[in-house]
């Protein structure tokens, strides 16, 4: 089982300018048991069941969305 933990936003984060302007930002981390390439992680994340459901909602409410 894995856990997701909150952490401080790194200084190099894309969200840093927003945090510095006073906007709310958050950051979380988890530890993976094996080495996974960034491309494989992103592909798995965005093709997960939850995001497939989100794409279905987007397709119904706004515009078509697909893996490509």
PDB file of N, CA and C in Angstrom:
ATOM      1  N   UNK A   1       0.848  -1.181   0.000  1.00  0.00           N
ATOM      2  CA  UNK A   1       0.000   0.000   0.000  1.00  0.00           C
ATOM      3  C   UNK A   1       0.889   1.238   0.000  1.00  0.00           C
ATOM      4  N   UNK A   2       0.425   2.312  -0.599  1.00  0.00           N
ATOM      5  CA  UNK A   2       1.197   3.538  -0.625  1.00  0.00           C
ATOM      6  C   UNK A   2       0.437   4.630   0.112  1.00  0.00           C
ATOM      7  N   UNK A   3       1.138   5.665   0.482  1.00  0.00           N
ATOM      8  CA  UNK A   3       0.492   6.802   1.123  1.00  0.00           C
ATOM      9  C   UNK A   3       0.952   8.084   0.442  1.00  0.00           C
ATOM     10  N   UNK A   4       0.105   9.051   0.480  1.00  0.00           N
ATOM     11  CA  UNK A   4       0.401  10.363  -0.082  1.00  0.00           C
ATOM     12  C   UNK A   4       0.507  11.324   1.091  1.00  0.00           C
ATOM     13  N   UNK A   5       1.620  12.067   1.137  1.00  0.00           N
ATOM     14  CA  UNK A   5       1.886  12.966   2.251  1.00  0.00           C
ATOM     15  C   UNK A   5       2.032  14.406   1.765  1.00  0.00           C
ATOM     16  N   UNK A   6       1.529  15.381   2.509  1.00  0.00           N
ATOM     17  CA  UNK A   6       1.772  16.777   2.133  1.00  0.00           C
ATOM     18  C   UNK A   6       3.229  17.143   2.387  1.00  0.00           C
ATOM     19  N   UNK A   7       3.751  18.089   1.614  1.00  0.00           N
ATOM     20  CA  UNK A   7       5.119  18.558   1.808  1.00  0.00           C
ATOM     21  C   UNK A   7       5.211  20.025   1.379  1.00  0.00           C
ATOM     22  N   UNK A   8       6.339  20.636   1.683  1.00  0.00           N
ATOM     23  CA  UNK A   8       6.569  22.030   1.285  1.00  0.00           C
ATOM     24  C   UNK A   8       6.770  22.109  -0.217  1.00  0.00           C
ATOM     25  N   UNK A   9       6.288  23.170  -0.809  1.00  0.00           N
ATOM     26  CA  UNK A   9       6.469  23.390  -2.233  1.00  0.00           C
ATOM     27  C   UNK A   9       7.936  23.720  -2.493  1.00  0.00           C
ATOM     28  N   UNK A  10       8.614  22.978  -3.376  1.00  0.00           N
ATOM     29  CA  UNK A  10      10.020  23.269  -3.674  1.00  0.00           C
ATOM     30  C   UNK A  10      10.178  24.651  -4.317  1.00  0.00           C
ATOM     31  N   UNK A  11      11.300  25.312  -4.065  1.00  0.00           N
ATOM     32  CA  UNK A  11      11.549  26.643  -4.646  1.00  0.00           C
ATOM     33  C   UNK A  11      11.524  26.610  -6.174  1.00  0.00           C
ATOM     34  N   UNK A  12      11.904  25.496  -6.769  1.00  0.00           N
ATOM     35  CA  UNK A  12      11.970  25.395  -8.225  1.00  0.00           C
ATOM     36  C   UNK A  12      10.625  25.022  -8.859  1.00  0.00           C
ATOM     37  N   UNK A  13       9.575  24.883  -8.057  1.00  0.00           N
ATOM     38  CA  UNK A  13       8.269  24.459  -8.565  1.00  0.00           C
ATOM     39  C   UNK A  13       7.657  25.515  -9.477  1.00  0.00           C
ATOM     40  N   UNK A  14       6.900  25.051 -10.449  1.00  0.00           N
ATOM     41  CA  UNK A  14       6.203  25.951 -11.373  1.00  0.00           C
ATOM     42  C   UNK A  14       5.208  26.831 -10.605  1.00  0.00           C
ATOM     43  N   UNK A  15       4.698  26.348  -9.481  1.00  0.00           N
ATOM     44  CA  UNK A  15       3.717  27.100  -8.694  1.00  0.00           C
ATOM     45  C   UNK A  15       4.338  28.190  -7.810  1.00  0.00           C
ATOM     46  N   UNK A  16       5.649  28.246  -7.730  1.00  0.00           N
ATOM     47  CA  UNK A  16       6.315  29.196  -6.833  1.00  0.00           C
ATOM     48  C   UNK A  16       5.867  30.642  -7.047  1.00  0.00           C
ATOM     49  N   UNK A  17       5.787  31.158  -8.274  1.00  0.00           N
ATOM     50  CA  UNK A  17       5.332  32.546  -8.445  1.00  0.00           C
ATOM     51  C   UNK A  17       3.925  32.791  -7.887  1.00  0.00           C
ATOM     52  N   UNK A  18       3.067  31.785  -7.985  1.00  0.00           N
ATOM     53  CA  UNK A  18       1.714  31.935  -7.447  1.00  0.00           C
ATOM     54  C   UNK A  18       1.733  31.993  -5.926  1.00  0.00           C
ATOM     55  N   UNK A  19       2.530  31.109  -5.311  1.00  0.00           N
ATOM     56  CA  UNK A  19       2.657  31.125  -3.856  1.00  0.00           C
ATOM     57  C   UNK A  19       3.199  32.468  -3.388  1.00  0.00           C
ATOM     58  N   UNK A  20       4.219  32.978  -4.108  1.00  0.00           N
ATOM     59  CA  UNK A  20       4.827  34.256  -3.722  1.00  0.00           C
ATOM     60  C   UNK A  20       3.863  35.428  -3.888  1.00  0.00           C
ATOM     61  N   UNK A  21       2.862  35.288  -4.767  1.00  0.00           N
ATOM     62  CA  UNK A  21       1.877  36.361  -4.943  1.00  0.00           C
ATOM     63  C   UNK A  21       0.739  36.252  -3.933  1.00  0.00           C
ATOM     64  N   UNK A  22       0.786  35.218  -3.082  1.00  0.00           N
ATOM     65  CA  UNK A  22      -0.224  35.060  -2.043  1.00  0.00           C
ATOM     66  C   UNK A  22      -1.299  34.042  -2.364  1.00  0.00           C
ATOM     67  N   UNK A  23      -1.230  33.415  -3.537  1.00  0.00           N
ATOM     68  CA  UNK A  23      -2.221  32.403  -3.905  1.00  0.00           C
ATOM     69  C   UNK A  23      -1.993  31.124  -3.108  1.00  0.00           C
ATOM     70  N   UNK A  24      -3.059  30.360  -2.926  1.00  0.00           N
ATOM     71  CA  UNK A  24      -2.948  29.077  -2.242  1.00  0.00           C
ATOM     72  C   UNK A  24      -2.272  28.075  -3.177  1.00  0.00           C
ATOM     73  N   UNK A  25      -1.292  27.372  -2.692  1.00  0.00           N
ATOM     74  CA  UNK A  25      -0.659  26.283  -3.437  1.00  0.00           C
ATOM     75  C   UNK A  25      -0.499  25.102  -2.489  1.00  0.00           C
ATOM     76  N   UNK A  26      -0.431  23.914  -3.053  1.00  0.00           N
ATOM     77  CA  UNK A  26      -0.179  22.746  -2.226  1.00  0.00           C
ATOM     78  C   UNK A  26       0.755  21.797  -2.964  1.00  0.00           C
ATOM     79  N   UNK A  27       1.324  20.879  -2.220  1.00  0.00           N
ATOM     80  CA  UNK A  27       2.278  19.945  -2.796  1.00  0.00           C
ATOM     81  C   UNK A  27       2.215  18.650  -1.984  1.00  0.00           C
ATOM     82  N   UNK A  28       2.276  17.525  -2.688  1.00  0.00           N
ATOM     83  CA  UNK A  28       2.219  16.216  -2.052  1.00  0.00           C
ATOM     84  C   UNK A  28       3.287  15.310  -2.635  1.00  0.00           C
ATOM     85  N   UNK A  29       3.653  14.272  -1.906  1.00  0.00           N
ATOM     86  CA  UNK A  29       4.626  13.312  -2.416  1.00  0.00           C
ATOM     87  C   UNK A  29       4.212  11.905  -2.003  1.00  0.00           C
ATOM     88  N   UNK A  30       4.721  10.949  -2.730  1.00  0.00           N
ATOM     89  CA  UNK A  30       4.589   9.541  -2.373  1.00  0.00           C
ATOM     90  C   UNK A  30       5.882   8.841  -2.775  1.00  0.00           C
ATOM     91  N   UNK A  31       6.167   7.742  -2.148  1.00  0.00           N
ATOM     92  CA  UNK A  31       7.358   6.959  -2.477  1.00  0.00           C
ATOM     93  C   UNK A  31       6.921   5.735  -3.269  1.00  0.00           C
ATOM     94  N   UNK A  32       7.537   5.531  -4.415  1.00  0.00           N
ATOM     95  CA  UNK A  32       7.233   4.376  -5.245  1.00  0.00           C
ATOM     96  C   UNK A  32       8.190   3.246  -4.914  1.00  0.00           C
ATOM     97  N   UNK A  33       7.726   2.019  -5.022  1.00  0.00           N
ATOM     98  CA  UNK A  33       8.539   0.853  -4.675  1.00  0.00           C
ATOM     99  C   UNK A  33       9.549   0.485  -5.742  1.00  0.00           C
ATOM    100  N   UNK A  34       9.366   0.996  -6.952  1.00  0.00           N
ATOM    101  CA  UNK A  34      10.285   0.659  -8.029  1.00  0.00           C
ATOM    102  C   UNK A  34      10.573   1.904  -8.854  1.00  0.00           C
ATOM    103  N   UNK A  35      11.522   1.784  -9.750  1.00  0.00           N
ATOM    104  CA  UNK A  35      11.869   2.890 -10.624  1.00  0.00           C
ATOM    105  C   UNK A  35      10.887   2.943 -11.786  1.00  0.00           C
ATOM    106  N   UNK A  36      10.347   4.118 -12.022  1.00  0.00           N
ATOM    107  CA  UNK A  36       9.381   4.328 -13.094  1.00  0.00           C
ATOM    108  C   UNK A  36       9.798   5.580 -13.853  1.00  0.00           C
ATOM    109  N   UNK A  37       9.803   5.501 -15.170  1.00  0.00           N
ATOM    110  CA  UNK A  37      10.162   6.695 -15.941  1.00  0.00           C
ATOM    111  C   UNK A  37       9.045   7.731 -15.826  1.00  0.00           C
ATOM    112  N   UNK A  38       9.404   8.973 -15.993  1.00  0.00           N
ATOM    113  CA  UNK A  38       8.416  10.045 -15.928  1.00  0.00           C
ATOM    114  C   UNK A  38       7.321   9.827 -16.971  1.00  0.00           C
ATOM    115  N   UNK A  39       7.709   9.443 -18.186  1.00  0.00           N
ATOM    116  CA  UNK A  39       6.734   9.213 -19.265  1.00  0.00           C
ATOM    117  C   UNK A  39       5.752   8.102 -18.893  1.00  0.00           C
ATOM    118  N   UNK A  40       6.247   7.008 -18.331  1.00  0.00           N
ATOM    119  CA  UNK A  40       5.362   5.916 -17.926  1.00  0.00           C
ATOM    120  C   UNK A  40       4.437   6.328 -16.793  1.00  0.00           C
ATOM    121  N   UNK A  41       4.962   7.099 -15.844  1.00  0.00           N
ATOM    122  CA  UNK A  41       4.144   7.565 -14.728  1.00  0.00           C
ATOM    123  C   UNK A  41       3.021   8.461 -15.226  1.00  0.00           C
ATOM    124  N   UNK A  42       3.352   9.416 -16.089  1.00  0.00           N
ATOM    125  CA  UNK A  42       2.343  10.337 -16.620  1.00  0.00           C
ATOM    126  C   UNK A  42       1.292   9.577 -17.422  1.00  0.00           C
ATOM    127  N   UNK A  43       1.733   8.646 -18.256  1.00  0.00           N
ATOM    128  CA  UNK A  43       0.792   7.857 -19.053  1.00  0.00           C
ATOM    129  C   UNK A  43      -0.158   7.066 -18.154  1.00  0.00           C
ATOM    130  N   UNK A  44       0.366   6.434 -17.119  1.00  0.00           N
ATOM    131  CA  UNK A  44      -0.482   5.671 -16.201  1.00  0.00           C
ATOM    132  C   UNK A  44      -1.439   6.572 -15.442  1.00  0.00           C
ATOM    133  N   UNK A  45      -0.958   7.705 -15.004  1.00  0.00           N
ATOM    134  CA  UNK A  45      -1.771   8.637 -14.227  1.00  0.00           C
ATOM    135  C   UNK A  45      -2.953   9.147 -15.044  1.00  0.00           C
ATOM    136  N   UNK A  46      -2.677   9.602 -16.268  1.00  0.00           N
ATOM    137  CA  UNK A  46      -3.727  10.213 -17.066  1.00  0.00           C
ATOM    138  C   UNK A  46      -4.613   9.215 -17.797  1.00  0.00           C
ATOM    139  N   UNK A  47      -4.294   7.935 -17.738  1.00  0.00           N
ATOM    140  CA  UNK A  47      -5.180   6.934 -18.312  1.00  0.00           C
ATOM    141  C   UNK A  47      -5.826   6.072 -17.223  1.00  0.00           C
ATOM    142  N   UNK A  48      -5.728   6.522 -15.982  1.00  0.00           N
ATOM    143  CA  UNK A  48      -6.344   5.796 -14.868  1.00  0.00           C
ATOM    144  C   UNK A  48      -7.865   5.907 -14.949  1.00  0.00           C
ATOM    145  N   UNK A  49      -8.541   5.059 -14.197  1.00  0.00           N
ATOM    146  CA  UNK A  49     -10.009   5.032 -14.215  1.00  0.00           C
ATOM    147  C   UNK A  49     -10.611   6.384 -13.845  1.00  0.00           C
ATOM    148  N   UNK A  50     -10.039   7.058 -12.861  1.00  0.00           N
ATOM    149  CA  UNK A  50     -10.578   8.351 -12.438  1.00  0.00           C
ATOM    150  C   UNK A  50     -10.483   9.380 -13.562  1.00  0.00           C
ATOM    151  N   UNK A  51      -9.372   9.418 -14.264  1.00  0.00           N
ATOM    152  CA  UNK A  51      -9.235  10.387 -15.351  1.00  0.00           C
ATOM    153  C   UNK A  51     -10.045   9.987 -16.574  1.00  0.00           C
ATOM    154  N   UNK A  52     -10.272   8.695 -16.766  1.00  0.00           N
ATOM    155  CA  UNK A  52     -11.176   8.281 -17.851  1.00  0.00           C
ATOM    156  C   UNK A  52     -12.587   8.786 -17.562  1.00  0.00           C
ATOM    157  N   UNK A  53     -12.999   8.720 -16.298  1.00  0.00           N
ATOM    158  CA  UNK A  53     -14.297   9.256 -15.906  1.00  0.00           C
ATOM    159  C   UNK A  53     -14.345  10.765 -16.141  1.00  0.00           C
ATOM    160  N   UNK A  54     -13.273  11.458 -15.779  1.00  0.00           N
ATOM    161  CA  UNK A  54     -13.216  12.903 -16.004  1.00  0.00           C
ATOM    162  C   UNK A  54     -13.321  13.216 -17.497  1.00  0.00           C
ATOM    163  N   UNK A  55     -12.638  12.435 -18.324  1.00  0.00           N
ATOM    164  CA  UNK A  55     -12.714  12.662 -19.773  1.00  0.00           C
ATOM    165  C   UNK A  55     -14.126  12.446 -20.295  1.00  0.00           C
ATOM    166  N   UNK A  56     -14.817  11.453 -19.743  1.00  0.00           N
ATOM    167  CA  UNK A  56     -16.201  11.214 -20.134  1.00  0.00           C
ATOM    168  C   UNK A  56     -17.063  12.431 -19.788  1.00  0.00           C
ATOM    169  N   UNK A  57     -16.867  12.967 -18.610  1.00  0.00           N
ATOM    170  CA  UNK A  57     -17.618  14.158 -18.191  1.00  0.00           C
ATOM    171  C   UNK A  57     -17.267  15.335 -19.096  1.00  0.00           C
ATOM    172  N   UNK A  58     -15.978  15.533 -19.384  1.00  0.00           N
ATOM    173  CA  UNK A  58     -15.576  16.627 -20.271  1.00  0.00           C
ATOM    174  C   UNK A  58     -16.179  16.472 -21.663  1.00  0.00           C
ATOM    175  N   UNK A  59     -16.192  15.246 -22.162  1.00  0.00           N
ATOM    176  CA  UNK A  59     -16.759  14.997 -23.489  1.00  0.00           C
ATOM    177  C   UNK A  59     -18.253  15.303 -23.503  1.00  0.00           C
ATOM    178  N   UNK A  60     -18.932  14.946 -22.424  1.00  0.00           N
ATOM    179  CA  UNK A  60     -20.375  15.177 -22.332  1.00  0.00           C
ATOM    180  C   UNK A  60     -20.696  16.661 -22.147  1.00  0.00           C
ATOM    181  N   UNK A  61     -19.917  17.349 -21.325  1.00  0.00           N
ATOM    182  CA  UNK A  61     -20.228  18.729 -20.964  1.00  0.00           C
ATOM    183  C   UNK A  61     -19.560  19.786 -21.844  1.00  0.00           C
ATOM    184  N   UNK A  62     -18.410  19.467 -22.410  1.00  0.00           N
ATOM    185  CA  UNK A  62     -17.656  20.515 -23.090  1.00  0.00           C
ATOM    186  C   UNK A  62     -17.201  20.064 -24.475  1.00  0.00           C
ATOM    187  N   UNK A  63     -16.109  19.347 -24.519  1.00  0.00           N
ATOM    188  CA  UNK A  63     -15.550  18.924 -25.793  1.00  0.00           C
ATOM    189  C   UNK A  63     -14.902  17.557 -25.660  1.00  0.00           C
ATOM    190  N   UNK A  64     -14.750  16.849 -26.771  1.00  0.00           N
ATOM    191  CA  UNK A  64     -14.142  15.518 -26.702  1.00  0.00           C
ATOM    192  C   UNK A  64     -12.736  15.536 -26.113  1.00  0.00           C
ATOM    193  N   UNK A  65     -12.412  14.505 -25.355  1.00  0.00           N
ATOM    194  CA  UNK A  65     -11.090  14.355 -24.757  1.00  0.00           C
ATOM    195  C   UNK A  65     -10.684  12.902 -24.899  1.00  0.00           C
ATOM    196  N   UNK A  66      -9.411  12.665 -25.277  1.00  0.00           N
ATOM    197  CA  UNK A  66      -8.943  11.300 -25.500  1.00  0.00           C
ATOM    198  C   UNK A  66      -7.499  11.148 -25.047  1.00  0.00           C
ATOM    199  N   UNK A  67      -7.016   9.905 -24.999  1.00  0.00           N
ATOM    200  CA  UNK A  67      -5.637   9.625 -24.604  1.00  0.00           C
ATOM    201  C   UNK A  67      -4.627  10.338 -25.484  1.00  0.00           C
ATOM    202  N   UNK A  68      -4.932  10.469 -26.765  1.00  0.00           N
ATOM    203  CA  UNK A  68      -3.979  11.093 -27.692  1.00  0.00           C
ATOM    204  C   UNK A  68      -3.858  12.564 -27.412  1.00  0.00           C
TER     205      UNK A  68
END
